[in-house]
Protein backbone atom coordinates (compact mmCIF):
# COMPACT_ATOMS: atom_id res chain seq x y z
CA UNK A 1 57.11 -3.15 26.76
CA UNK A 2 55.48 -0.93 29.15
CA UNK A 3 56.45 2.69 29.98
CA UNK A 4 58.05 2.98 33.35
CA UNK A 5 55.69 5.88 35.58
CA UNK A 6 57.81 8.00 37.99
CA UNK A 7 54.81 8.34 40.34
CA UNK A 8 51.23 6.92 40.79
CA UNK A 9 49.87 10.39 39.58
CA UNK A 10 51.57 9.31 36.33
CA UNK A 11 50.31 5.99 36.44
CA UNK A 12 46.41 7.14 37.30
CA UNK A 13 46.71 9.49 34.56
CA UNK A 14 47.74 7.24 31.65
CA UNK A 15 45.02 4.61 32.85
CA UNK A 16 42.26 7.36 32.41
CA UNK A 17 43.43 8.13 28.96
CA UNK A 18 43.26 4.48 28.02
CA UNK A 19 39.95 4.19 29.53
CA UNK A 20 39.05 7.28 27.52
CA UNK A 21 40.37 6.03 24.38
CA UNK A 22 38.83 2.67 24.98
CA UNK A 23 35.37 3.95 25.33
CA UNK A 24 35.71 6.17 22.15
CA UNK A 25 36.82 3.28 20.27
CA UNK A 26 33.82 1.06 21.62
CA UNK A 27 31.28 4.10 20.50
CA UNK A 28 32.88 4.27 17.33
CA UNK A 29 32.63 0.80 16.45
CA UNK A 30 28.76 0.80 17.96
CA UNK A 31 28.15 4.20 15.37
CA UNK A 32 29.90 1.92 12.20
CA UNK A 33 27.51 -1.16 13.25
CA UNK A 34 24.24 1.29 13.41
CA UNK A 35 24.87 2.45 10.10
CA UNK A 36 25.75 -0.48 8.72
CA UNK A 37 22.35 -2.07 9.53
CA UNK A 38 20.38 1.03 8.50
CA UNK A 39 22.09 0.62 5.31
CA UNK A 40 21.51 -3.33 4.82
CA UNK A 41 17.85 -2.83 6.03
CA UNK A 42 17.26 0.06 3.31
CA UNK A 43 19.17 -2.18 0.93
CA UNK A 44 16.79 -5.13 1.78
CA UNK A 45 13.44 -3.17 1.75
CA UNK A 46 14.72 -1.90 -1.65
CA UNK A 47 15.04 -5.59 -2.90
CA UNK A 48 11.59 -6.30 -1.40
CA UNK A 49 10.11 -3.93 -2.91
CA UNK A 50 11.93 -4.88 -6.65
CA UNK A 51 10.59 -8.06 -6.05
CA UNK A 52 6.84 -7.04 -5.74
CA UNK A 53 7.15 -5.61 -8.95
CA UNK A 54 8.95 -8.08 -10.72
CA UNK A 55 6.61 -10.79 -9.42
CA UNK A 56 3.33 -8.70 -9.96
CA UNK A 57 2.73 -8.92 -6.26
CA UNK A 58 3.12 -5.29 -5.73
CA UNK A 59 -0.35 -4.92 -7.84
CA UNK A 60 -1.90 -7.68 -5.89
CA UNK A 61 -1.00 -5.94 -2.58
CA UNK A 62 -2.53 -2.53 -3.87
CA UNK A 63 -5.63 -4.38 -4.91
CA UNK A 64 -6.19 -5.86 -1.41
CA UNK A 65 -4.57 -2.77 0.32
CA UNK A 66 -6.86 -0.21 -1.54
CA UNK A 67 -9.98 -2.06 -0.85
CA UNK A 68 -9.21 -0.86 2.69
CA UNK A 69 -9.70 2.93 3.86
CA UNK A 70 -6.51 4.34 3.12
CA UNK A 71 -6.87 6.33 6.45
CA UNK A 72 -6.74 2.40 8.18
CA UNK A 73 -3.31 1.89 6.33
CA UNK A 74 -2.03 5.31 7.10
CA UNK A 75 -2.88 4.40 10.95
CA UNK A 76 -1.37 0.93 10.54
CA UNK A 77 1.57 2.48 9.11
CA UNK A 78 1.96 4.65 12.28
CA UNK A 79 1.10 1.66 14.61
CA UNK A 80 3.90 -0.94 13.02
CA UNK A 81 6.26 2.02 13.41
CA UNK A 82 5.89 2.51 17.25
CA UNK A 83 5.68 -1.05 18.17
CA UNK A 84 9.12 -1.23 16.24
CA UNK A 85 10.36 1.51 18.19
CA UNK A 86 9.43 -0.18 21.41
CA UNK A 87 10.51 -3.37 20.37
CA UNK A 88 14.05 -1.89 19.85
CA UNK A 89 13.97 0.23 23.36
CA UNK A 90 12.93 -2.69 25.78
CA UNK A 91 14.62 -5.92 24.61
CA UNK A 92 18.15 -6.40 24.97
CA UNK A 93 18.36 -10.16 23.16
CA UNK A 94 20.19 -9.67 20.08
CA UNK A 95 18.03 -12.25 18.21
CA UNK A 96 15.16 -10.59 19.36
CA UNK A 97 16.21 -7.00 17.51
CA UNK A 98 17.25 -9.12 14.38
CA UNK A 99 14.12 -11.08 14.42
CA UNK A 100 12.46 -7.51 14.74
CA UNK A 101 14.33 -5.53 12.14
CA UNK A 102 13.70 -8.22 9.81
CA UNK A 103 9.92 -8.01 10.65
CA UNK A 104 9.79 -4.75 10.22
CA UNK A 105 11.56 -4.21 7.25
CA UNK A 106 9.28 -7.06 5.38
CA UNK A 107 5.81 -4.96 7.46
CA UNK A 108 7.25 -1.41 5.73
CA UNK A 109 7.60 -3.10 2.61
CA UNK A 110 3.64 -4.55 1.96
CA UNK A 111 2.62 -1.12 3.48
CA UNK A 112 4.61 0.64 1.17
CA UNK A 113 3.73 -1.58 -1.97
CA UNK A 114 0.45 0.41 -2.73
CA UNK A 115 2.02 3.78 -2.73
CA UNK A 116 4.93 2.98 -4.71
CA UNK A 117 2.59 0.96 -7.04
CA UNK A 118 0.57 3.92 -7.35
CA UNK A 119 3.43 6.60 -7.40
CA UNK A 120 4.91 4.45 -10.23
CA UNK A 121 2.10 4.24 -12.80
CA UNK A 122 0.32 7.74 -11.98
CA UNK A 123 3.75 9.91 -11.16
CA UNK A 124 6.73 8.75 -12.71
CA UNK A 125 9.98 9.99 -11.32
CA UNK A 126 8.41 10.94 -8.08
CA UNK A 127 9.79 7.93 -5.96
CA UNK A 128 13.35 8.83 -6.86
CA UNK A 129 12.93 12.48 -6.09
CA UNK A 130 11.25 11.58 -2.84
CA UNK A 131 14.37 9.15 -1.80
CA UNK A 132 16.64 12.00 -2.80
CA UNK A 133 14.96 14.10 -0.41
CA UNK A 134 14.45 12.00 2.24
CA UNK A 135 18.20 11.36 2.12
CA UNK A 136 18.98 15.11 1.70
CA UNK A 137 17.01 15.53 4.84
CA UNK A 138 18.49 12.57 6.73
CA UNK A 139 21.69 13.77 5.97
CA UNK A 140 21.26 17.39 6.97
CA UNK A 141 19.37 16.23 10.11
CA UNK A 142 22.20 13.84 11.18
CA UNK A 143 24.95 16.59 10.60
CA UNK A 144 22.78 18.96 12.90
CA UNK A 145 23.59 17.28 15.63
CA UNK A 146 27.20 15.98 15.13
CA UNK A 147 28.26 19.45 15.18
CA UNK A 148 25.99 21.00 17.37
CA UNK A 149 26.35 17.86 19.60
CA UNK A 150 23.54 18.63 21.17
CA UNK A 151 20.88 16.00 23.17
CA UNK A 152 17.79 16.27 21.45
CA UNK A 153 16.50 13.17 23.75
CA UNK A 154 14.45 15.36 25.53
CA UNK A 155 11.70 15.38 22.13
CA UNK A 156 10.82 12.33 23.33
CA UNK A 157 7.98 12.99 25.51
CA UNK A 158 6.99 15.51 22.29
CA UNK A 159 7.12 13.00 19.45
CA UNK A 160 4.86 10.53 21.64
CA UNK A 161 2.15 13.46 21.97
CA UNK A 162 2.29 14.50 18.34
CA UNK A 163 2.07 10.55 17.55
CA UNK A 164 -1.07 10.36 19.40
CA UNK A 165 -2.32 13.31 17.85
CA UNK A 166 -1.64 12.42 14.31
CA UNK A 167 -3.39 8.99 15.16
CA UNK A 168 -6.29 11.00 16.30
CA UNK A 169 -6.35 12.87 13.21
CA UNK A 170 -6.33 9.91 10.92
CA UNK A 171 -9.16 8.35 13.22
CA UNK A 172 -11.22 11.31 12.52
CA UNK A 173 -10.60 11.02 9.15
CA UNK A 174 -11.77 7.86 9.07
CA UNK A 175 -15.07 8.62 11.17
CA UNK A 176 -16.38 12.27 10.00
CA UNK A 177 -14.08 12.24 6.80
CA UNK A 178 -11.86 14.57 7.25
CA UNK A 179 -9.62 15.60 4.35
CA UNK A 180 -5.80 14.49 5.88
CA UNK A 181 -4.09 16.86 2.65
CA UNK A 182 -0.87 18.51 2.04
CA UNK A 183 -0.45 20.18 5.87
CA UNK A 184 -0.82 16.95 7.20
CA UNK A 185 1.74 15.24 5.22
CA UNK A 186 4.10 18.58 5.70
CA UNK A 187 3.47 18.26 9.76
CA UNK A 188 4.17 14.27 9.28
CA UNK A 189 7.55 14.95 7.56
CA UNK A 190 8.07 17.40 10.72
CA UNK A 191 7.54 15.20 12.67
CA UNK A 192 9.76 12.55 11.13
CA UNK A 193 12.38 14.82 11.11
CA UNK A 194 12.28 16.18 14.99
CA UNK A 195 12.24 11.76 15.39
CA UNK A 196 15.53 11.64 13.31
CA UNK A 197 17.29 13.95 15.68
CA UNK A 198 15.98 12.41 18.60
CA UNK A 199 16.79 8.57 17.76
CA UNK A 200 20.51 10.09 16.19
CA UNK A 201 21.01 11.89 19.65
CA UNK A 202 20.20 8.49 21.55
CA UNK A 203 22.63 6.42 19.40
CA UNK A 204 25.46 9.20 20.30
CA UNK A 205 24.74 9.44 24.10
CA UNK A 206 22.53 6.76 25.43
CA UNK A 207 22.01 3.26 23.48
CA UNK A 208 23.95 0.63 25.19
CA UNK A 209 26.89 -0.35 22.64
CA UNK A 210 25.82 -4.02 22.48
CA UNK A 211 22.24 -2.69 21.18
CA UNK A 212 23.17 -1.69 17.61
CA UNK A 213 20.63 -3.65 15.86
CA UNK A 214 17.70 -2.07 17.91
CA UNK A 215 18.99 1.20 17.32
CA UNK A 216 19.37 1.03 13.64
CA UNK A 217 15.55 -0.60 13.49
CA UNK A 218 14.86 2.82 15.33
CA UNK A 219 16.16 4.75 12.98
CA UNK A 220 14.73 3.07 10.01
CA UNK A 221 11.77 3.61 11.46
CA UNK A 222 12.30 7.34 11.26
CA UNK A 223 13.38 7.23 7.83
CA UNK A 224 10.76 5.10 6.49
CA UNK A 225 8.31 7.38 8.03
CA UNK A 226 9.81 10.57 6.50
CA UNK A 227 10.19 9.15 3.29
CA UNK A 228 6.22 8.00 3.22
CA UNK A 229 4.93 11.22 3.64
CA UNK A 230 7.37 13.09 1.28
CA UNK A 231 6.03 10.84 -1.37
CA UNK A 232 2.74 11.56 -0.05
CA UNK A 233 3.17 15.01 -0.38
CA UNK A 234 4.93 15.17 -3.93
CA UNK A 235 2.01 12.95 -5.22
CA UNK A 236 -0.82 15.35 -4.14
CA UNK A 237 0.95 17.70 -5.85
CA UNK A 238 0.44 15.76 -9.35
């Protein structure tokens, strides 16, 4: 039974409260869907890598990709990440978003295969350590956004500029033989961390509530970027 209101002002106030509760509920469901899809993407990535190793495909991918200049692989990783982010940001089609997420997970699994194969054989235990560091970093950065309620979407322009500089550095390594060592990995981990802050803020404040698949894709790209360079950094120390 609806509550009788004494005047029009009470009715308007009640409607405003109800609308606010609806918005909060919609946003909560959106966040649950985003992080649920993120976990599903990570699980699919792990399953693919396990299958690559058990089937012997990881070794064949390593042979093929190591026959290419590793700088090209690094550049390809960044380009794939950029394309994924662009796809997630522009498309409104749920089917396209799911297709983009699935293709991106497969592409990342293929690109990661040589790195994981070498890490497993020449630096045992480093994969688990890199995964733990990435998880802690991701949770910590997410909590910063949730606790401060700060909108880090202003980082978007700086992230694009930093990404261009990273590609220039990788290109310089290919052409001039620059050694992209420990400090490059540290800088890229910092870039990935800034991307997670940016993505989390967009998810909280800017993403439409019906585009949770695209939001999860963009966040997965940032997590994968951090894991890649944490793993690369740890391997360089062995």
